[in-house]
Amino acid sequence: MRIEAPPQRSSAKSFLGGKWSRQLPFFLAFLLFAFASHADPAGLRPGATADQTTIAKATELQKQGWEYVMPVPKSPQAAWGNRDGRTTWFNGYWINHSDNTYSSAEPTLQNGKYVGNGVNPVGWRRGGSPAKPSVLEWLLSKSGGVPP
């Protein structure tokens, strides 16, 4: 009497059932490409699609210490998109953590350095919802807001 070992399932073809073994490398390559091409640059907020120019500008602003603080509604009635002038919002603003400066407008490039307008808009304001944030504001914020 001869005893034989059970068949081994060591190949991808037998494990995946034949036709899938040929498609597996293409699927893995697709996944690798998908995650690599849509990865967010380190430190920038995910959730918005940005072109390379905007990503480069956001990265440089971040290196120089800039962050955008999103506007915040004071009550549930003051929701994004609600233009009711009776609602109250905390202003959105730019802050540079490296030199403790503020800006009510997007910092501009001057002599190789991004500089704000020096206006400190921190505080509450009456009026309707602010406009949606720009892609740059979104990328350089930590939380809040609605995607651009």
N, C-alpha and C. Protein backbone atom coordinates (compact mmCIF):
# COMPACT_ATOMS: atom_id res chain seq x y z
N MET A 1 0.84 -1.17 0.00
CA MET A 1 0.00 0.00 0.00
C MET A 1 0.89 1.24 0.00
N ARG A 2 0.57 2.13 -0.89
CA ARG A 2 1.37 3.34 -1.05
C ARG A 2 0.56 4.55 -0.56
N ILE A 3 1.17 5.39 0.29
CA ILE A 3 0.50 6.58 0.82
C ILE A 3 1.10 7.80 0.14
N GLU A 4 0.25 8.61 -0.44
CA GLU A 4 0.72 9.83 -1.11
C GLU A 4 0.29 11.05 -0.30
N ALA A 5 1.13 12.06 -0.37
CA ALA A 5 0.82 13.32 0.32
C ALA A 5 -0.28 14.06 -0.44
N PRO A 6 -1.10 14.82 0.28
CA PRO A 6 -2.14 15.60 -0.42
C PRO A 6 -1.49 16.65 -1.32
N PRO A 7 -2.18 17.06 -2.37
CA PRO A 7 -1.60 18.05 -3.27
C PRO A 7 -1.31 19.37 -2.54
N GLN A 8 -0.20 19.98 -2.89
CA GLN A 8 0.21 21.25 -2.29
C GLN A 8 -0.45 22.41 -3.03
N ARG A 9 -0.87 23.42 -2.30
CA ARG A 9 -1.45 24.63 -2.90
C ARG A 9 -0.46 25.77 -2.73
N SER A 10 0.67 25.64 -3.31
CA SER A 10 1.71 26.63 -3.11
C SER A 10 1.74 27.70 -4.19
N SER A 11 1.15 27.43 -5.33
CA SER A 11 1.22 28.42 -6.40
C SER A 11 0.05 29.39 -6.32
N ALA A 12 0.25 30.58 -6.83
CA ALA A 12 -0.81 31.59 -6.85
C ALA A 12 -1.95 31.14 -7.74
N LYS A 13 -1.62 30.40 -8.79
CA LYS A 13 -2.65 29.96 -9.71
C LYS A 13 -3.65 29.05 -9.01
N SER A 14 -3.16 28.07 -8.26
CA SER A 14 -4.09 27.17 -7.58
C SER A 14 -4.79 27.87 -6.41
N PHE A 15 -4.10 28.77 -5.74
CA PHE A 15 -4.69 29.47 -4.60
C PHE A 15 -5.79 30.43 -5.03
N LEU A 16 -5.55 31.16 -6.12
CA LEU A 16 -6.51 32.17 -6.56
C LEU A 16 -7.51 31.64 -7.58
N GLY A 17 -7.36 30.41 -7.98
CA GLY A 17 -8.36 29.83 -8.86
C GLY A 17 -8.11 30.08 -10.33
N GLY A 18 -6.90 30.11 -10.78
CA GLY A 18 -6.61 30.15 -12.21
C GLY A 18 -6.53 31.53 -12.80
N LYS A 19 -7.67 32.05 -13.31
CA LYS A 19 -7.65 33.31 -14.06
C LYS A 19 -7.23 34.50 -13.22
N TRP A 20 -7.49 34.49 -11.92
CA TRP A 20 -7.13 35.62 -11.07
C TRP A 20 -5.62 35.74 -10.88
N SER A 21 -4.92 34.64 -11.01
CA SER A 21 -3.48 34.69 -10.81
C SER A 21 -2.80 35.54 -11.88
N ARG A 22 -3.38 35.59 -13.08
CA ARG A 22 -2.81 36.43 -14.13
C ARG A 22 -3.13 37.91 -13.91
N GLN A 23 -4.23 38.20 -13.25
CA GLN A 23 -4.64 39.58 -13.05
C GLN A 23 -4.11 40.20 -11.76
N LEU A 24 -3.64 39.38 -10.85
CA LEU A 24 -3.15 39.87 -9.57
C LEU A 24 -2.03 40.90 -9.70
N PRO A 25 -1.00 40.68 -10.53
CA PRO A 25 0.05 41.69 -10.63
C PRO A 25 -0.46 43.04 -11.13
N PHE A 26 -1.43 43.01 -12.06
CA PHE A 26 -1.99 44.27 -12.57
C PHE A 26 -2.80 44.99 -11.50
N PHE A 27 -3.55 44.21 -10.69
CA PHE A 27 -4.33 44.79 -9.61
C PHE A 27 -3.42 45.42 -8.56
N LEU A 28 -2.37 44.72 -8.20
CA LEU A 28 -1.43 45.27 -7.21
C LEU A 28 -0.74 46.52 -7.74
N ALA A 29 -0.38 46.53 -9.02
CA ALA A 29 0.23 47.72 -9.62
C ALA A 29 -0.76 48.89 -9.62
N PHE A 30 -2.04 48.61 -9.89
CA PHE A 30 -3.06 49.65 -9.87
C PHE A 30 -3.18 50.25 -8.47
N LEU A 31 -3.26 49.38 -7.45
CA LEU A 31 -3.36 49.88 -6.07
C LEU A 31 -2.17 50.74 -5.69
N LEU A 32 -0.99 50.28 -6.05
CA LEU A 32 0.22 51.03 -5.74
C LEU A 32 0.20 52.40 -6.41
N PHE A 33 -0.19 52.44 -7.69
CA PHE A 33 -0.27 53.71 -8.41
C PHE A 33 -1.33 54.61 -7.82
N ALA A 34 -2.49 54.04 -7.49
CA ALA A 34 -3.59 54.85 -6.97
C ALA A 34 -3.21 55.53 -5.66
N PHE A 35 -2.59 54.78 -4.76
CA PHE A 35 -2.23 55.37 -3.47
C PHE A 35 -1.04 56.31 -3.61
N ALA A 36 -0.11 56.01 -4.49
CA ALA A 36 1.06 56.87 -4.64
C ALA A 36 0.70 58.18 -5.32
N SER A 37 -0.19 58.17 -6.30
CA SER A 37 -0.50 59.38 -7.05
C SER A 37 -1.46 60.31 -6.32
N HIS A 38 -2.22 59.78 -5.34
CA HIS A 38 -3.17 60.62 -4.62
C HIS A 38 -2.76 60.85 -3.17
N ALA A 39 -1.53 60.52 -2.85
CA ALA A 39 -1.06 60.72 -1.49
C ALA A 39 -0.93 62.21 -1.21
N ASP A 40 -1.28 62.61 0.00
CA ASP A 40 -1.17 64.01 0.38
C ASP A 40 0.25 64.29 0.84
N PRO A 41 0.79 65.43 0.44
CA PRO A 41 2.13 65.78 0.92
C PRO A 41 2.12 65.86 2.45
N ALA A 42 3.22 65.51 3.03
CA ALA A 42 3.32 65.46 4.49
C ALA A 42 2.92 66.79 5.12
N GLY A 43 2.04 66.70 6.09
CA GLY A 43 1.66 67.88 6.85
C GLY A 43 0.51 68.68 6.29
N LEU A 44 0.12 68.47 5.04
CA LEU A 44 -1.00 69.20 4.47
C LEU A 44 -2.29 68.43 4.74
N ARG A 45 -3.36 69.17 4.91
CA ARG A 45 -4.64 68.55 5.25
C ARG A 45 -5.21 67.82 4.03
N PRO A 46 -5.61 66.57 4.19
CA PRO A 46 -6.22 65.85 3.07
C PRO A 46 -7.66 66.28 2.86
N GLY A 47 -8.23 65.91 1.72
CA GLY A 47 -9.64 66.16 1.48
C GLY A 47 -9.93 67.12 0.35
N ALA A 48 -8.91 67.64 -0.31
CA ALA A 48 -9.11 68.54 -1.43
C ALA A 48 -8.17 68.15 -2.57
N THR A 49 -8.63 68.35 -3.78
CA THR A 49 -7.80 68.09 -4.94
C THR A 49 -7.07 69.38 -5.30
N ALA A 50 -5.76 69.29 -5.40
CA ALA A 50 -4.95 70.48 -5.68
C ALA A 50 -3.97 70.20 -6.81
N ASP A 51 -3.67 71.24 -7.59
CA ASP A 51 -2.66 71.09 -8.63
C ASP A 51 -1.27 71.23 -8.00
N GLN A 52 -0.25 70.92 -8.78
CA GLN A 52 1.13 70.93 -8.25
C GLN A 52 1.57 72.32 -7.81
N THR A 53 1.11 73.37 -8.49
CA THR A 53 1.47 74.74 -8.11
C THR A 53 0.93 75.08 -6.72
N THR A 54 -0.32 74.72 -6.48
CA THR A 54 -0.94 74.99 -5.17
C THR A 54 -0.26 74.18 -4.07
N ILE A 55 0.06 72.92 -4.36
CA ILE A 55 0.73 72.09 -3.37
C ILE A 55 2.12 72.66 -3.05
N ALA A 56 2.82 73.11 -4.08
CA ALA A 56 4.15 73.69 -3.85
C ALA A 56 4.06 74.96 -3.01
N LYS A 57 3.06 75.81 -3.31
CA LYS A 57 2.88 77.04 -2.54
C LYS A 57 2.49 76.73 -1.09
N ALA A 58 1.59 75.76 -0.91
CA ALA A 58 1.17 75.37 0.44
C ALA A 58 2.33 74.82 1.24
N THR A 59 3.16 74.02 0.60
CA THR A 59 4.32 73.44 1.28
C THR A 59 5.29 74.53 1.70
N GLU A 60 5.52 75.51 0.83
CA GLU A 60 6.43 76.61 1.17
C GLU A 60 5.86 77.48 2.28
N LEU A 61 4.56 77.78 2.22
CA LEU A 61 3.92 78.55 3.30
C LEU A 61 4.05 77.80 4.63
N GLN A 62 3.85 76.50 4.59
CA GLN A 62 3.94 75.70 5.80
C GLN A 62 5.37 75.70 6.35
N LYS A 63 6.35 75.59 5.48
CA LYS A 63 7.75 75.63 5.92
C LYS A 63 8.08 76.94 6.61
N GLN A 64 7.44 78.03 6.15
CA GLN A 64 7.69 79.34 6.74
C GLN A 64 6.81 79.61 7.97
N GLY A 65 6.00 78.63 8.39
CA GLY A 65 5.25 78.75 9.63
C GLY A 65 3.80 79.17 9.51
N TRP A 66 3.27 79.30 8.29
CA TRP A 66 1.90 79.78 8.12
C TRP A 66 0.88 78.66 8.30
N GLU A 67 -0.25 79.02 8.92
CA GLU A 67 -1.39 78.12 9.08
C GLU A 67 -2.64 78.96 8.90
N TYR A 68 -3.69 78.36 8.33
CA TYR A 68 -4.97 79.05 8.21
C TYR A 68 -5.93 78.50 9.26
N VAL A 69 -6.57 79.39 9.99
CA VAL A 69 -7.57 79.01 10.99
C VAL A 69 -8.93 79.27 10.37
N MET A 70 -9.72 78.22 10.24
CA MET A 70 -11.03 78.31 9.58
C MET A 70 -12.01 79.14 10.40
N PRO A 71 -12.94 79.81 9.71
CA PRO A 71 -14.04 80.48 10.42
C PRO A 71 -14.87 79.45 11.18
N VAL A 72 -15.43 79.87 12.31
CA VAL A 72 -16.21 78.96 13.16
C VAL A 72 -17.57 79.58 13.42
N PRO A 73 -18.66 78.83 13.18
CA PRO A 73 -19.99 79.34 13.50
C PRO A 73 -20.22 79.34 15.00
N LYS A 74 -20.96 80.34 15.49
CA LYS A 74 -21.22 80.42 16.93
C LYS A 74 -22.40 79.56 17.34
N SER A 75 -23.33 79.32 16.44
CA SER A 75 -24.53 78.55 16.77
C SER A 75 -24.86 77.60 15.63
N PRO A 76 -25.77 76.64 15.89
CA PRO A 76 -26.17 75.72 14.82
C PRO A 76 -26.83 76.44 13.63
N GLN A 77 -27.48 77.58 13.89
CA GLN A 77 -28.11 78.33 12.80
C GLN A 77 -27.06 78.95 11.87
N ALA A 78 -25.88 79.19 12.40
CA ALA A 78 -24.81 79.79 11.61
C ALA A 78 -24.02 78.69 10.90
N ALA A 79 -24.67 77.96 10.04
CA ALA A 79 -24.03 76.85 9.34
C ALA A 79 -23.42 77.34 8.03
N TRP A 80 -22.45 76.58 7.51
CA TRP A 80 -21.84 76.92 6.23
C TRP A 80 -22.92 76.95 5.16
N GLY A 81 -22.92 78.00 4.37
CA GLY A 81 -23.89 78.15 3.30
C GLY A 81 -25.11 78.95 3.70
N ASN A 82 -25.32 79.20 5.00
CA ASN A 82 -26.46 79.98 5.46
C ASN A 82 -26.08 81.46 5.41
N ARG A 83 -26.71 82.20 4.52
CA ARG A 83 -26.38 83.62 4.32
C ARG A 83 -27.17 84.56 5.24
N ASP A 84 -27.86 84.01 6.22
CA ASP A 84 -28.65 84.82 7.14
C ASP A 84 -27.72 85.77 7.89
N GLY A 85 -27.94 87.06 7.74
CA GLY A 85 -27.09 88.08 8.35
C GLY A 85 -27.18 88.17 9.85
N ARG A 86 -28.12 87.47 10.47
CA ARG A 86 -28.28 87.52 11.93
C ARG A 86 -27.37 86.52 12.64
N THR A 87 -26.62 85.73 11.87
CA THR A 87 -25.74 84.73 12.49
C THR A 87 -24.38 85.33 12.82
N THR A 88 -23.67 84.69 13.73
CA THR A 88 -22.37 85.18 14.19
C THR A 88 -21.31 84.13 13.90
N TRP A 89 -20.18 84.60 13.42
CA TRP A 89 -19.05 83.74 13.04
C TRP A 89 -17.76 84.27 13.66
N PHE A 90 -16.87 83.34 14.04
CA PHE A 90 -15.51 83.71 14.42
C PHE A 90 -14.72 83.81 13.12
N ASN A 91 -14.03 84.92 12.94
CA ASN A 91 -13.32 85.16 11.68
C ASN A 91 -12.27 84.09 11.38
N GLY A 92 -12.10 83.78 10.11
CA GLY A 92 -10.99 82.97 9.68
C GLY A 92 -9.78 83.88 9.51
N TYR A 93 -8.58 83.36 9.74
CA TYR A 93 -7.39 84.20 9.64
C TYR A 93 -6.15 83.34 9.41
N TRP A 94 -5.10 84.01 8.96
CA TRP A 94 -3.78 83.38 8.78
C TRP A 94 -2.91 83.73 9.98
N ILE A 95 -2.14 82.75 10.45
CA ILE A 95 -1.21 83.01 11.54
C ILE A 95 0.14 82.38 11.18
N ASN A 96 1.20 83.11 11.48
CA ASN A 96 2.55 82.58 11.27
C ASN A 96 3.10 82.23 12.64
N HIS A 97 3.29 80.95 12.88
CA HIS A 97 3.76 80.49 14.19
C HIS A 97 5.24 80.76 14.42
N SER A 98 5.99 80.99 13.35
CA SER A 98 7.42 81.22 13.54
C SER A 98 7.72 82.64 14.00
N ASP A 99 6.90 83.63 13.60
CA ASP A 99 7.17 85.01 14.05
C ASP A 99 5.94 85.68 14.69
N ASN A 100 4.90 84.87 14.99
CA ASN A 100 3.69 85.35 15.67
C ASN A 100 3.05 86.55 14.98
N THR A 101 2.92 86.48 13.66
CA THR A 101 2.21 87.52 12.91
C THR A 101 0.90 86.98 12.40
N TYR A 102 -0.04 87.88 12.14
CA TYR A 102 -1.37 87.53 11.65
C TYR A 102 -1.60 88.18 10.30
N SER A 103 -2.60 87.65 9.61
CA SER A 103 -3.00 88.24 8.34
C SER A 103 -4.46 87.92 8.07
N SER A 104 -5.20 88.92 7.61
CA SER A 104 -6.60 88.69 7.24
C SER A 104 -6.69 88.24 5.79
N ALA A 105 -5.62 88.41 5.04
CA ALA A 105 -5.58 88.01 3.63
C ALA A 105 -4.47 86.98 3.43
N GLU A 106 -4.55 86.26 2.33
CA GLU A 106 -3.53 85.26 2.02
C GLU A 106 -2.16 85.91 1.94
N PRO A 107 -1.15 85.34 2.61
CA PRO A 107 0.19 85.91 2.56
C PRO A 107 0.73 85.96 1.11
N THR A 108 1.49 87.00 0.84
CA THR A 108 2.06 87.17 -0.50
C THR A 108 3.58 87.02 -0.45
N LEU A 109 4.14 86.60 -1.57
CA LEU A 109 5.57 86.38 -1.65
C LEU A 109 6.29 87.71 -1.90
N GLN A 110 7.20 88.08 -0.99
CA GLN A 110 8.01 89.29 -1.13
C GLN A 110 9.44 88.96 -0.78
N ASN A 111 10.33 89.09 -1.76
CA ASN A 111 11.75 88.81 -1.56
C ASN A 111 12.01 87.40 -1.02
N GLY A 112 11.28 86.42 -1.56
CA GLY A 112 11.50 85.04 -1.17
C GLY A 112 10.83 84.62 0.13
N LYS A 113 10.07 85.52 0.75
CA LYS A 113 9.39 85.20 2.02
C LYS A 113 7.93 85.58 1.90
N TYR A 114 7.07 84.70 2.44
CA TYR A 114 5.64 85.01 2.44
C TYR A 114 5.32 85.94 3.61
N VAL A 115 4.65 87.03 3.30
CA VAL A 115 4.36 88.08 4.28
C VAL A 115 2.86 88.34 4.29
N GLY A 116 2.28 88.45 5.48
CA GLY A 116 0.87 88.77 5.63
C GLY A 116 0.66 90.27 5.63
N ASN A 117 -0.61 90.69 5.75
CA ASN A 117 -0.92 92.13 5.74
C ASN A 117 -0.87 92.76 7.13
N GLY A 118 -0.58 91.97 8.16
CA GLY A 118 -0.43 92.51 9.51
C GLY A 118 -1.73 92.78 10.23
N VAL A 119 -2.86 92.51 9.59
CA VAL A 119 -4.16 92.74 10.24
C VAL A 119 -4.52 91.51 11.06
N ASN A 120 -4.85 91.75 12.34
CA ASN A 120 -5.25 90.67 13.23
C ASN A 120 -6.78 90.65 13.31
N PRO A 121 -7.43 89.80 12.50
CA PRO A 121 -8.90 89.79 12.47
C PRO A 121 -9.54 88.86 13.49
N VAL A 122 -8.79 88.43 14.49
CA VAL A 122 -9.30 87.47 15.46
C VAL A 122 -10.47 88.10 16.21
N GLY A 123 -11.59 87.41 16.22
CA GLY A 123 -12.78 87.88 16.92
C GLY A 123 -14.05 87.48 16.20
N TRP A 124 -15.19 87.81 16.80
CA TRP A 124 -16.49 87.46 16.25
C TRP A 124 -16.98 88.54 15.30
N ARG A 125 -17.78 88.14 14.33
CA ARG A 125 -18.39 89.09 13.41
C ARG A 125 -19.83 88.68 13.14
N ARG A 126 -20.68 89.64 12.92
CA ARG A 126 -22.07 89.39 12.54
C ARG A 126 -22.13 89.25 11.03
N GLY A 127 -23.08 88.48 10.56
CA GLY A 127 -23.26 88.34 9.12
C GLY A 127 -23.42 86.89 8.74
N GLY A 128 -23.69 86.65 7.50
CA GLY A 128 -23.91 85.30 7.02
C GLY A 128 -22.63 84.50 6.91
N SER A 129 -22.80 83.31 6.41
CA SER A 129 -21.70 82.37 6.24
C SER A 129 -20.61 82.95 5.35
N PRO A 130 -19.35 82.75 5.71
CA PRO A 130 -18.28 83.16 4.80
C PRO A 130 -18.27 82.26 3.57
N ALA A 131 -17.53 82.66 2.56
CA ALA A 131 -17.40 81.84 1.36
C ALA A 131 -16.66 80.55 1.70
N LYS A 132 -16.83 79.53 0.86
CA LYS A 132 -16.08 78.29 1.07
C LYS A 132 -14.59 78.61 1.05
N PRO A 133 -13.80 77.87 1.81
CA PRO A 133 -12.36 78.12 1.81
C PRO A 133 -11.74 77.77 0.46
N SER A 134 -10.65 78.45 0.15
CA SER A 134 -9.91 78.11 -1.06
C SER A 134 -9.16 76.79 -0.82
N VAL A 135 -8.65 76.21 -1.88
CA VAL A 135 -7.88 74.97 -1.73
C VAL A 135 -6.66 75.21 -0.86
N LEU A 136 -6.01 76.36 -1.03
CA LEU A 136 -4.83 76.70 -0.23
C LEU A 136 -5.19 76.83 1.24
N GLU A 137 -6.29 77.51 1.54
CA GLU A 137 -6.74 77.64 2.94
C GLU A 137 -7.05 76.27 3.53
N TRP A 138 -7.68 75.41 2.75
CA TRP A 138 -8.01 74.07 3.22
C TRP A 138 -6.75 73.28 3.55
N LEU A 139 -5.78 73.29 2.62
CA LEU A 139 -4.56 72.51 2.80
C LEU A 139 -3.77 72.94 4.04
N LEU A 140 -3.84 74.23 4.37
CA LEU A 140 -3.05 74.76 5.47
C LEU A 140 -3.84 74.92 6.77
N SER A 141 -5.04 74.35 6.82
CA SER A 141 -5.81 74.38 8.05
C SER A 141 -5.75 73.02 8.73
N LYS A 142 -6.09 73.00 10.00
CA LYS A 142 -6.06 71.76 10.76
C LYS A 142 -7.43 71.10 10.85
N SER A 143 -8.48 71.91 10.96
CA SER A 143 -9.83 71.37 11.11
C SER A 143 -10.85 72.43 10.76
N GLY A 144 -12.13 72.01 10.76
CA GLY A 144 -13.23 72.92 10.51
C GLY A 144 -13.43 73.19 9.03
N GLY A 145 -14.43 73.99 8.75
CA GLY A 145 -14.71 74.38 7.38
C GLY A 145 -15.41 73.30 6.59
N VAL A 146 -15.65 73.61 5.33
CA VAL A 146 -16.23 72.66 4.39
C VAL A 146 -15.21 72.50 3.25
N PRO A 147 -15.13 71.33 2.67
CA PRO A 147 -14.15 71.15 1.58
C PRO A 147 -14.42 72.12 0.43
N PRO A 148 -13.36 72.61 -0.19
CA PRO A 148 -13.54 73.57 -1.30
C PRO A 148 -14.16 72.93 -2.52
